Amino acid sequence: RITMVDDDARPGAHPSGGGKKRRKKQPKAARKAQTDEPDKVELEQQDEQSTDQGGALRKALGDSDKMVRDKALKLVSQQLKRGHDIEEPALRKLWKALFYTMWHADKHAVQAELAQRLAALVHALPVHKRQLFNKVFWDTMMREWHGIDRLRLDKFYLLSKHALEESLADVRSRGWREDEVLAFSELLRAGPLARRAPMGMRYYLVDNFCAVLRSLNIGKHASGSEGATQVLMALIDPLIAMLGDAETGTLLSRLSSRVIEPLFVQNSAEESGDENADSDGQDATEQVGEPLPQCAQQLADRLFEIASSKKTRERNRQ
């Protein structure tokens, strides 16, 4: 018995009656979207891979094995040289990892070398990103400071000093441009020298700031004696301004003995006097190096301005 089967009922038959299935023509826009889809997926995969590599690198920076940390640090330097588009969130993650690179460093010689290497990373970045790099460093130090135990405190003091030296040396390398000097001064005023900063950090910077400036020999690289004085006054202004609202007698005393008096004396032999341990048990750094530019008159005028200000604490006027 033969049974007739409709063509449309056969498996795989197209409803139109043909045995061969026809592909419906797609709109041009849909075809273009499908063509672009592999590129989009590839870019997303590249972004994920880049993120994974960044996380692995940051993890290696905090590794307890020195060899692993050293290799990771070399990679960081190479990546920063290509960091034309690097933004603050990425730098925050990086400095968080670099902080723990320093955390794991043992022995003074290793710590000193590492502090120098970390601070010198600022020179690897494109010039227009270096100020942001400095800002994120100080933000990181301020955020992590209270979690540093006393046994590790000295190496982070050392890192802070080297970071200050290298960032100022970077500004010096371009001839102490006024805009860069003022920008760095404001960075200090709003960051590690602000009232919100940890007191120990502020003490250390006050104690060592003039010594760092002397090591940079401002007079040799500024445009004339007048230019050198302007550079000096701009850089020390955040410290001088602290005289008006210093909240402790210890801070006021240190500002006077470590910043104001040496600037008036202008003699390195007289500047390096009796170096007694401070209230935190830390020895103050000797004030030696090149004499700073003459600024007695400008300094006197600035002090008078602060003393006359209504915002100045009454007990700080004396």
Protein backbone atom coordinates (compact mmCIF):
# COMPACT_ATOMS: atom_id res chain seq x y z
CA ARG A 1 0.00 0.00 0.00
CA ILE A 2 1.41 3.31 -1.00
CA THR A 3 0.80 6.33 1.22
CA MET A 4 1.18 9.77 -0.28
CA VAL A 5 3.17 12.19 1.82
CA ASP A 6 2.86 15.90 1.39
CA ASP A 7 6.20 17.54 0.57
CA ASP A 8 5.67 20.09 3.35
CA ALA A 9 5.41 17.29 5.87
CA ARG A 10 8.73 15.69 5.04
CA PRO A 11 11.49 16.17 7.65
CA GLY A 12 13.59 19.17 6.83
CA ALA A 13 11.23 20.41 4.13
CA HIS A 14 10.78 24.16 3.87
CA PRO A 15 7.20 25.44 4.27
CA SER A 16 7.40 26.97 0.82
CA GLY A 17 7.36 23.47 -0.64
CA GLY A 18 11.01 23.12 -1.64
CA GLY A 19 13.06 20.34 -0.13
CA LYS A 20 16.03 22.60 0.39
CA LYS A 21 15.84 24.99 3.33
CA ARG A 22 16.39 28.58 2.32
CA ARG A 23 18.13 31.08 4.63
CA LYS A 24 16.21 34.19 5.22
CA LYS A 25 18.10 37.26 4.12
CA GLN A 26 19.04 39.46 7.07
CA PRO A 27 19.01 43.26 7.13
CA LYS A 28 22.33 44.94 6.40
CA ALA A 29 22.59 46.36 9.94
CA ALA A 30 22.16 42.88 11.46
CA ARG A 31 24.85 41.42 9.20
CA LYS A 32 27.26 44.20 10.23
CA ALA A 33 26.54 43.56 13.92
CA GLN A 34 27.40 39.89 13.51
CA THR A 35 30.61 40.82 11.68
CA ASP A 36 31.63 43.17 14.48
CA GLU A 37 30.73 40.74 17.28
CA PRO A 38 33.98 38.68 17.15
CA ASP A 39 36.03 41.91 17.52
CA LYS A 40 33.98 42.94 20.54
CA VAL A 41 34.41 39.56 22.18
CA GLU A 42 38.13 39.64 21.48
CA LEU A 43 38.47 43.08 23.08
CA GLU A 44 36.56 41.94 26.15
CA GLN A 45 38.82 38.91 26.43
CA GLN A 46 41.88 41.16 26.13
CA ASP A 47 40.53 43.43 28.90
CA GLU A 48 39.92 40.42 31.15
CA GLN A 49 43.40 39.10 30.43
CA SER A 50 44.93 42.52 31.18
CA THR A 51 43.00 42.67 34.46
CA ASP A 52 44.16 39.19 35.41
CA GLN A 53 47.77 40.08 34.63
CA GLY A 54 47.50 43.30 36.66
CA GLY A 55 46.15 41.38 39.64
CA ALA A 56 48.89 38.77 39.37
CA LEU A 57 51.53 41.49 39.20
CA ARG A 58 50.19 43.25 42.28
CA LYS A 59 50.10 39.93 44.11
CA ALA A 60 53.73 39.29 43.16
CA LEU A 61 54.71 42.72 44.52
CA GLY A 62 53.39 41.66 47.94
CA ASP A 63 54.99 38.21 47.83
CA SER A 64 57.19 37.20 50.77
CA ASP A 65 59.90 36.00 48.35
CA LYS A 66 62.33 38.82 47.52
CA MET A 67 63.17 37.40 44.09
CA VAL A 68 59.50 37.39 43.12
CA ARG A 69 59.10 40.99 44.34
CA ASP A 70 62.19 42.16 42.44
CA LYS A 71 60.99 40.66 39.16
CA ALA A 72 57.57 42.22 39.63
CA LEU A 73 59.12 45.60 40.36
CA LYS A 74 61.02 45.51 37.06
CA LEU A 75 57.77 44.84 35.24
CA VAL A 76 56.11 47.76 37.03
CA SER A 77 58.84 50.13 35.84
CA GLN A 78 58.41 48.93 32.27
CA GLN A 79 54.65 49.35 32.40
CA LEU A 80 54.82 52.84 33.90
CA LYS A 81 56.92 54.02 30.97
CA ARG A 82 53.90 53.29 28.78
CA GLY A 83 51.47 54.82 31.27
CA HIS A 84 50.33 57.80 29.20
CA ASP A 85 46.69 57.04 30.01
CA ILE A 86 47.05 55.62 33.52
CA GLU A 87 44.49 57.03 35.94
CA GLU A 88 44.20 57.40 39.70
CA PRO A 89 42.30 54.15 40.44
CA ALA A 90 45.03 52.08 38.74
CA LEU A 91 47.75 53.99 40.59
CA ARG A 92 45.97 53.45 43.89
CA LYS A 93 45.96 49.70 43.34
CA LEU A 94 49.63 49.84 42.34
CA TRP A 95 50.75 51.83 45.39
CA LYS A 96 48.76 49.55 47.67
CA ALA A 97 50.83 46.65 46.29
CA LEU A 98 54.09 48.63 46.45
CA PHE A 99 53.34 49.48 50.08
CA TYR A 100 53.39 45.76 50.89
CA THR A 101 56.52 45.29 48.83
CA MET A 102 58.16 47.62 51.35
CA TRP A 103 56.34 45.90 54.21
CA HIS A 104 58.03 42.56 53.47
CA ALA A 105 61.54 44.01 53.02
CA ASP A 106 63.94 42.88 55.76
CA LYS A 107 67.38 44.17 56.81
CA HIS A 108 68.38 47.81 56.56
CA ALA A 109 70.47 47.53 53.38
CA VAL A 110 67.62 45.84 51.50
CA GLN A 111 65.11 48.37 52.83
CA ALA A 112 67.29 51.33 51.85
CA GLU A 113 67.75 50.02 48.31
CA LEU A 114 64.06 49.25 47.90
CA ALA A 115 62.98 52.64 49.26
CA GLN A 116 65.21 54.30 46.65
CA ARG A 117 63.84 52.09 43.85
CA LEU A 118 60.21 52.71 44.78
CA ALA A 119 60.71 56.45 45.07
CA ALA A 120 62.55 56.57 41.71
CA LEU A 121 59.56 55.02 39.91
CA VAL A 122 58.23 58.56 39.49
CA HIS A 123 60.85 59.13 36.78
CA ALA A 124 59.53 56.17 34.75
CA LEU A 125 56.15 57.78 34.17
CA PRO A 126 55.35 60.30 31.43
CA VAL A 127 55.86 63.81 32.84
CA HIS A 128 52.16 64.72 32.86
CA LYS A 129 51.37 61.75 35.15
CA ARG A 130 54.10 62.25 37.75
CA GLN A 131 52.22 64.69 39.96
CA LEU A 132 49.33 62.23 40.16
CA PHE A 133 51.79 59.47 41.05
CA ASN A 134 53.11 61.62 43.93
CA LYS A 135 49.62 62.41 45.16
CA VAL A 136 48.59 58.76 45.22
CA PHE A 137 51.78 57.84 47.08
CA TRP A 138 51.06 60.26 49.91
CA ASP A 139 47.39 59.31 49.98
CA THR A 140 48.43 55.67 50.37
CA MET A 141 50.89 56.45 53.14
CA MET A 142 48.31 58.50 55.02
CA ARG A 143 45.72 55.75 54.69
CA GLU A 144 48.02 52.94 55.81
CA TRP A 145 50.10 54.83 58.38
CA HIS A 146 48.23 53.86 61.53
CA GLY A 147 48.54 50.18 60.64
CA ILE A 148 52.36 50.30 60.62
CA ASP A 149 53.88 48.74 63.71
CA ARG A 150 56.87 50.31 65.43
CA LEU A 151 59.28 47.69 64.12
CA ARG A 152 58.45 48.67 60.53
CA LEU A 153 58.08 52.41 61.06
CA ASP A 154 61.70 53.33 60.27
CA LYS A 155 61.62 51.85 56.76
CA PHE A 156 58.47 53.79 55.92
CA TYR A 157 60.09 56.95 57.24
CA LEU A 158 62.94 56.18 54.86
CA LEU A 159 60.55 55.61 51.97
CA SER A 160 58.85 58.95 52.71
CA LYS A 161 62.15 60.78 52.66
CA HIS A 162 63.27 59.21 49.37
CA ALA A 163 59.88 59.91 47.81
CA LEU A 164 60.18 63.57 48.78
CA GLU A 165 63.72 63.75 47.39
CA GLU A 166 62.89 62.08 44.07
CA SER A 167 59.71 64.05 43.44
CA LEU A 168 61.51 67.34 44.11
CA ALA A 169 64.47 66.23 41.99
CA ASP A 170 62.00 65.60 39.18
CA VAL A 171 60.67 69.17 39.43
CA ARG A 172 64.26 70.46 39.56
CA SER A 173 65.17 68.56 36.36
CA ARG A 174 62.88 70.90 34.40
CA GLY A 175 64.35 74.07 35.92
CA TRP A 176 61.97 74.62 38.85
CA ARG A 177 59.08 75.73 36.64
CA GLU A 178 56.79 77.99 38.65
CA ASP A 179 53.62 76.05 37.87
CA GLU A 180 55.19 72.74 38.91
CA VAL A 181 56.70 74.19 42.09
CA LEU A 182 53.36 75.67 43.15
CA ALA A 183 51.51 72.46 42.28
CA PHE A 184 53.89 70.39 44.40
CA SER A 185 53.60 72.87 47.26
CA GLU A 186 49.81 72.55 47.17
CA LEU A 187 50.11 68.76 47.07
CA LEU A 188 52.04 68.87 50.35
CA ARG A 189 49.65 71.41 51.89
CA ALA A 190 46.58 69.31 51.11
CA GLY A 191 48.25 65.95 51.78
CA PRO A 192 51.02 64.93 54.21
CA LEU A 193 51.25 68.37 55.86
CA ALA A 194 47.51 68.84 56.31
CA ARG A 195 45.89 68.51 59.74
CA ARG A 196 44.19 65.29 58.63
CA ALA A 197 47.59 63.65 58.06
CA PRO A 198 49.05 61.39 60.77
CA MET A 199 51.02 63.41 63.29
CA GLY A 200 54.06 61.13 63.06
CA MET A 201 54.27 61.75 59.32
CA ARG A 202 54.02 65.49 59.82
CA TYR A 203 56.73 65.44 62.48
CA TYR A 204 59.07 63.53 60.21
CA LEU A 205 58.57 65.83 57.24
CA VAL A 206 59.05 68.92 59.38
CA ASP A 207 62.28 67.46 60.79
CA ASN A 208 63.71 66.53 57.39
CA PHE A 209 62.30 68.98 54.87
CA CYS A 210 65.10 71.54 54.97
CA ALA A 211 67.74 68.79 54.81
CA VAL A 212 66.13 67.45 51.64
CA LEU A 213 66.04 70.94 50.12
CA ARG A 214 69.72 71.45 50.88
CA SER A 215 70.59 68.19 49.12
CA LEU A 216 68.94 69.54 45.95
CA ASN A 217 71.08 72.69 45.82
CA ILE A 218 68.24 75.01 44.79
CA GLY A 219 70.53 77.97 44.12
CA LYS A 220 72.50 76.10 41.45
CA HIS A 221 69.49 75.07 39.37
CA ALA A 222 67.16 78.08 39.76
CA SER A 223 67.30 81.15 37.55
CA GLY A 224 69.38 83.56 39.64
CA SER A 225 69.31 84.30 43.34
CA GLU A 226 65.87 85.91 43.18
CA GLY A 227 64.44 82.90 41.40
CA ALA A 228 66.03 80.55 43.92
CA THR A 229 64.46 82.49 46.80
CA GLN A 230 61.04 82.34 45.15
CA VAL A 231 61.37 78.58 44.71
CA LEU A 232 62.39 78.11 48.33
CA MET A 233 59.59 80.27 49.72
CA ALA A 234 56.99 78.46 47.61
CA LEU A 235 58.19 75.03 48.77
CA ILE A 236 58.38 75.85 52.47
CA ASP A 237 55.14 77.85 52.60
CA PRO A 238 53.02 74.82 53.64
CA LEU A 239 55.30 74.39 56.66
CA ILE A 240 55.30 78.07 57.53
CA ALA A 241 51.51 78.12 57.28
CA MET A 242 51.39 75.32 59.86
CA LEU A 243 52.66 77.79 62.46
CA GLY A 244 49.27 79.46 62.48
CA ASP A 245 47.20 76.40 63.36
CA ALA A 246 49.69 73.95 64.89
CA GLU A 247 47.59 72.07 67.43
CA THR A 248 50.42 70.92 69.72
CA GLY A 249 53.32 72.64 71.37
CA THR A 250 55.63 69.90 70.09
CA LEU A 251 54.72 70.60 66.46
CA LEU A 252 55.11 74.34 66.99
CA SER A 253 58.52 73.85 68.59
CA ARG A 254 59.76 71.60 65.81
CA LEU A 255 58.61 74.01 63.11
CA SER A 256 60.57 76.72 64.83
CA SER A 257 63.78 74.76 65.49
CA ARG A 258 63.88 72.67 62.30
CA VAL A 259 62.55 75.12 59.71
CA ILE A 260 62.39 78.76 60.79
CA GLU A 261 65.61 79.13 62.78
CA PRO A 262 67.85 77.32 60.25
CA LEU A 263 66.50 79.51 57.47
CA PHE A 264 67.44 82.61 59.40
CA VAL A 265 70.84 81.29 60.39
CA GLN A 266 71.85 80.24 56.85
CA ASN A 267 74.88 78.34 58.04
CA SER A 268 74.99 74.54 57.76
CA ALA A 269 77.41 74.20 60.67
CA GLU A 270 75.03 76.03 62.96
CA GLU A 271 72.00 74.19 61.53
CA SER A 272 73.27 70.75 62.59
CA GLY A 273 73.09 71.25 66.34
CA ASP A 274 72.21 68.81 69.11
CA GLU A 275 70.25 65.92 67.55
CA ASN A 276 68.21 64.52 70.45
CA ALA A 277 65.63 61.83 70.05
CA ASP A 278 62.14 63.16 69.50
CA SER A 279 59.02 62.37 71.48
CA ASP A 280 58.43 59.25 69.35
CA GLY A 281 61.90 57.95 70.12
CA GLN A 282 63.19 58.65 66.62
CA ASP A 283 66.47 60.45 66.02
CA ALA A 284 66.11 63.61 63.97
CA THR A 285 68.08 63.71 60.73
CA GLU A 286 71.18 65.90 60.70
CA GLN A 287 70.72 69.16 58.84
CA VAL A 288 73.73 69.24 56.55
CA GLY A 289 74.27 70.07 52.91
CA GLU A 290 74.31 73.13 50.67
CA PRO A 291 73.14 76.41 52.26
CA LEU A 292 69.66 77.41 51.22
CA PRO A 293 69.02 80.65 49.30
CA GLN A 294 68.85 83.82 51.36
CA CYS A 295 65.24 84.53 52.27
CA ALA A 296 65.38 86.37 55.61
CA GLN A 297 63.29 89.35 54.50
CA GLN A 298 60.70 87.28 52.66
CA LEU A 299 60.47 84.91 55.60
CA ALA A 300 60.03 87.76 58.08
CA ASP A 301 57.23 89.23 55.95
CA ARG A 302 55.45 85.87 55.74
CA LEU A 303 55.72 85.30 59.49
CA PHE A 304 54.27 88.74 60.17
CA GLU A 305 51.39 87.94 57.82
CA ILE A 306 50.62 84.72 59.69
CA ALA A 307 50.90 86.37 63.10
CA SER A 308 48.47 89.09 61.98
CA SER A 309 45.90 86.68 60.62
CA LYS A 310 42.63 86.27 62.52
CA LYS A 311 42.80 82.52 61.82
CA THR A 312 46.02 82.11 63.80
CA ARG A 313 45.69 80.52 67.23
CA GLU A 314 46.35 83.04 69.97
CA ARG A 315 48.99 80.94 71.72
CA ASN A 316 50.82 80.46 68.39
CA ARG A 317 51.44 84.18 67.96
CA GLN A 318 54.11 84.28 70.66
